[in-house]
Amino acid sequence: MLGHLNSKHVLEHLNLLTGGVEPILMCSCAKTKFCHRHLVADWLEKERGIIIKELNFPDLSRKNGYLVKRKNPSLFPEQ
């Protein structure tokens, strides 16, 4: 479904909804369960070339709708 959307318009709409304050995507899914928010975050990163960080989980990354442990955690954030 995301493929039918314009990522630029989606990001603009999120910014409009938040009054220009940086939007935060939230959910109530457990960190080990599938989450649509991860799919949206990955899509926006890929389409808009931005980085969307997972708060409170620096040693985890998103993959196919799940949070997974990083193989090589680093003290330095991803660029």
N, C-alpha and C. Protein backbone atom coordinates (compact mmCIF):
# COMPACT_ATOMS: atom_id res chain seq x y z
N MET A 1 0.81 -1.19 0.00
CA MET A 1 0.00 0.00 0.00
C MET A 1 0.86 1.26 0.00
N LEU A 2 2.02 1.21 0.65
CA LEU A 2 2.88 2.38 0.70
C LEU A 2 3.37 2.77 -0.69
N GLY A 3 3.54 1.79 -1.56
CA GLY A 3 4.00 2.06 -2.92
C GLY A 3 3.07 2.96 -3.71
N HIS A 4 1.81 3.04 -3.30
CA HIS A 4 0.84 3.89 -3.99
C HIS A 4 0.84 5.32 -3.46
N LEU A 5 1.59 5.55 -2.38
CA LEU A 5 1.62 6.87 -1.77
C LEU A 5 2.84 7.66 -2.21
N ASN A 6 2.74 8.97 -2.14
CA ASN A 6 3.86 9.85 -2.42
C ASN A 6 4.53 10.16 -1.08
N SER A 7 5.75 9.67 -0.90
CA SER A 7 6.43 9.82 0.39
C SER A 7 6.67 11.28 0.76
N LYS A 8 6.88 12.12 -0.23
CA LYS A 8 7.07 13.55 0.05
C LYS A 8 5.79 14.13 0.64
N HIS A 9 4.65 13.80 0.07
CA HIS A 9 3.37 14.30 0.58
C HIS A 9 3.06 13.74 1.96
N VAL A 10 3.40 12.47 2.19
CA VAL A 10 3.16 11.87 3.51
C VAL A 10 3.97 12.60 4.57
N LEU A 11 5.25 12.85 4.29
CA LEU A 11 6.10 13.55 5.25
C LEU A 11 5.62 14.99 5.46
N GLU A 12 5.21 15.65 4.39
CA GLU A 12 4.67 17.01 4.51
C GLU A 12 3.40 17.01 5.37
N HIS A 13 2.56 16.01 5.19
CA HIS A 13 1.31 15.92 5.97
C HIS A 13 1.62 15.66 7.45
N LEU A 14 2.58 14.79 7.73
CA LEU A 14 2.97 14.55 9.12
C LEU A 14 3.48 15.83 9.78
N ASN A 15 4.30 16.58 9.03
CA ASN A 15 4.81 17.85 9.56
C ASN A 15 3.69 18.86 9.76
N LEU A 16 2.72 18.86 8.89
CA LEU A 16 1.57 19.76 9.03
C LEU A 16 0.76 19.39 10.28
N LEU A 17 0.55 18.10 10.49
CA LEU A 17 -0.20 17.64 11.66
C LEU A 17 0.47 18.01 12.97
N THR A 18 1.81 18.05 12.97
CA THR A 18 2.54 18.34 14.20
C THR A 18 2.90 19.82 14.34
N GLY A 19 2.42 20.63 13.41
CA GLY A 19 2.70 22.07 13.49
C GLY A 19 4.16 22.41 13.32
N GLY A 20 4.88 21.61 12.56
CA GLY A 20 6.28 21.88 12.29
C GLY A 20 7.22 21.26 13.32
N VAL A 21 6.68 20.69 14.39
CA VAL A 21 7.50 19.98 15.37
C VAL A 21 7.83 18.60 14.79
N GLU A 22 9.05 18.13 15.02
CA GLU A 22 9.44 16.84 14.46
C GLU A 22 8.45 15.75 14.84
N PRO A 23 7.84 15.06 13.85
CA PRO A 23 6.87 14.02 14.15
C PRO A 23 7.53 12.79 14.78
N ILE A 24 6.77 12.11 15.62
CA ILE A 24 7.22 10.86 16.23
C ILE A 24 6.16 9.80 15.92
N LEU A 25 6.60 8.70 15.33
CA LEU A 25 5.70 7.59 15.04
C LEU A 25 5.68 6.68 16.25
N MET A 26 4.50 6.42 16.78
CA MET A 26 4.39 5.60 17.99
C MET A 26 3.41 4.46 17.77
N CYS A 27 3.54 3.44 18.61
CA CYS A 27 2.61 2.32 18.60
C CYS A 27 2.63 1.66 19.97
N SER A 28 1.82 0.65 20.14
CA SER A 28 1.79 -0.06 21.43
C SER A 28 2.25 -1.51 21.27
N CYS A 29 2.89 -1.82 20.16
CA CYS A 29 3.37 -3.19 19.91
C CYS A 29 4.55 -3.51 20.82
N ALA A 30 4.63 -4.76 21.23
CA ALA A 30 5.81 -5.21 21.98
C ALA A 30 7.01 -5.21 21.04
N LYS A 31 8.21 -4.97 21.58
CA LYS A 31 9.38 -4.83 20.71
C LYS A 31 9.72 -6.10 19.94
N THR A 32 9.22 -7.25 20.36
CA THR A 32 9.51 -8.49 19.65
C THR A 32 8.41 -8.88 18.66
N LYS A 33 7.37 -8.09 18.56
CA LYS A 33 6.24 -8.39 17.68
C LYS A 33 6.31 -7.57 16.39
N PHE A 34 5.63 -8.06 15.36
CA PHE A 34 5.53 -7.33 14.10
C PHE A 34 4.85 -5.99 14.34
N CYS A 35 5.33 -4.96 13.64
CA CYS A 35 4.78 -3.62 13.83
C CYS A 35 4.75 -2.87 12.49
N HIS A 36 3.59 -2.37 12.12
CA HIS A 36 3.45 -1.61 10.87
C HIS A 36 4.25 -0.32 10.91
N ARG A 37 4.47 0.23 12.11
CA ARG A 37 5.25 1.46 12.24
C ARG A 37 6.66 1.27 11.70
N HIS A 38 7.23 0.07 11.89
CA HIS A 38 8.58 -0.20 11.38
C HIS A 38 8.58 -0.17 9.85
N LEU A 39 7.54 -0.69 9.24
CA LEU A 39 7.45 -0.66 7.78
C LEU A 39 7.38 0.77 7.26
N VAL A 40 6.59 1.60 7.93
CA VAL A 40 6.45 3.01 7.53
C VAL A 40 7.78 3.74 7.71
N ALA A 41 8.44 3.52 8.84
CA ALA A 41 9.73 4.16 9.10
C ALA A 41 10.76 3.75 8.05
N ASP A 42 10.85 2.47 7.74
CA ASP A 42 11.78 1.99 6.72
C ASP A 42 11.46 2.59 5.35
N TRP A 43 10.19 2.67 5.01
CA TRP A 43 9.76 3.22 3.73
C TRP A 43 10.15 4.70 3.63
N LEU A 44 9.88 5.47 4.68
CA LEU A 44 10.25 6.89 4.66
C LEU A 44 11.76 7.07 4.57
N GLU A 45 12.52 6.24 5.28
CA GLU A 45 13.99 6.32 5.18
C GLU A 45 14.45 6.08 3.75
N LYS A 46 13.93 5.02 3.16
CA LYS A 46 14.35 4.66 1.80
C LYS A 46 13.91 5.70 0.77
N GLU A 47 12.68 6.13 0.85
CA GLU A 47 12.12 7.05 -0.13
C GLU A 47 12.62 8.49 0.01
N ARG A 48 12.82 8.94 1.25
CA ARG A 48 13.19 10.34 1.49
C ARG A 48 14.65 10.53 1.85
N GLY A 49 15.38 9.42 2.05
CA GLY A 49 16.80 9.54 2.38
C GLY A 49 17.04 10.15 3.76
N ILE A 50 16.15 9.85 4.69
CA ILE A 50 16.29 10.36 6.05
C ILE A 50 16.56 9.20 7.00
N ILE A 51 16.98 9.52 8.21
CA ILE A 51 17.22 8.49 9.22
C ILE A 51 16.16 8.63 10.31
N ILE A 52 15.47 7.55 10.59
CA ILE A 52 14.46 7.53 11.65
C ILE A 52 14.99 6.58 12.73
N LYS A 53 15.32 7.15 13.88
CA LYS A 53 15.92 6.37 14.96
C LYS A 53 14.86 5.73 15.83
N GLU A 54 15.21 4.59 16.39
CA GLU A 54 14.38 3.90 17.37
C GLU A 54 14.78 4.41 18.75
N LEU A 55 13.90 5.11 19.43
CA LEU A 55 14.21 5.61 20.76
C LEU A 55 14.28 4.47 21.76
N ASN A 56 15.20 4.57 22.68
CA ASN A 56 15.38 3.61 23.78
C ASN A 56 15.85 2.22 23.35
N PHE A 57 16.13 2.01 22.08
CA PHE A 57 16.61 0.71 21.62
C PHE A 57 17.80 0.87 20.68
N PRO A 58 18.92 1.45 21.18
CA PRO A 58 20.07 1.72 20.29
C PRO A 58 20.75 0.47 19.75
N ASP A 59 20.57 -0.69 20.40
CA ASP A 59 21.21 -1.91 19.94
C ASP A 59 20.31 -2.73 19.01
N LEU A 60 19.14 -2.16 18.65
CA LEU A 60 18.21 -2.84 17.76
C LEU A 60 18.02 -2.03 16.48
N SER A 61 17.75 -2.73 15.39
CA SER A 61 17.41 -2.06 14.13
C SER A 61 16.15 -2.70 13.57
N ARG A 62 15.54 -2.05 12.59
CA ARG A 62 14.30 -2.55 11.99
C ARG A 62 14.61 -3.45 10.80
N LYS A 63 13.80 -4.50 10.66
CA LYS A 63 13.92 -5.37 9.49
C LYS A 63 12.59 -6.05 9.25
N ASN A 64 11.98 -5.78 8.10
CA ASN A 64 10.72 -6.41 7.69
C ASN A 64 9.62 -6.32 8.74
N GLY A 65 9.53 -5.17 9.40
CA GLY A 65 8.47 -4.97 10.37
C GLY A 65 8.78 -5.43 11.78
N TYR A 66 10.01 -5.87 12.01
CA TYR A 66 10.43 -6.33 13.34
C TYR A 66 11.67 -5.56 13.80
N LEU A 67 11.88 -5.53 15.11
CA LEU A 67 13.14 -5.04 15.65
C LEU A 67 14.06 -6.23 15.82
N VAL A 68 15.30 -6.09 15.35
CA VAL A 68 16.27 -7.17 15.46
C VAL A 68 17.56 -6.62 16.08
N LYS A 69 18.28 -7.49 16.79
CA LYS A 69 19.53 -7.09 17.42
C LYS A 69 20.58 -6.85 16.35
N ARG A 70 21.30 -5.74 16.49
CA ARG A 70 22.39 -5.44 15.56
C ARG A 70 23.51 -6.46 15.74
N LYS A 71 24.10 -6.87 14.65
CA LYS A 71 25.17 -7.85 14.73
C LYS A 71 26.44 -7.24 15.31
N ASN A 72 26.71 -6.00 14.94
CA ASN A 72 27.91 -5.31 15.41
C ASN A 72 27.53 -3.98 16.02
N PRO A 73 27.03 -3.96 17.25
CA PRO A 73 26.66 -2.68 17.86
C PRO A 73 27.87 -1.76 17.92
N SER A 74 27.61 -0.48 17.77
CA SER A 74 28.69 0.50 17.77
C SER A 74 28.36 1.64 18.72
N LEU A 75 29.40 2.26 19.25
CA LEU A 75 29.20 3.44 20.07
C LEU A 75 28.87 4.65 19.20
N PHE A 76 29.15 4.55 17.91
CA PHE A 76 28.93 5.66 17.00
C PHE A 76 27.64 5.47 16.22
N PRO A 77 26.78 6.50 16.16
CA PRO A 77 25.51 6.35 15.44
C PRO A 77 25.75 6.15 13.95
N GLU A 78 24.81 5.48 13.31
CA GLU A 78 24.89 5.28 11.87
C GLU A 78 24.77 6.61 11.17
N GLN A 79 25.50 6.75 10.09
CA GLN A 79 25.48 7.99 9.30
C GLN A 79 24.49 7.88 8.19
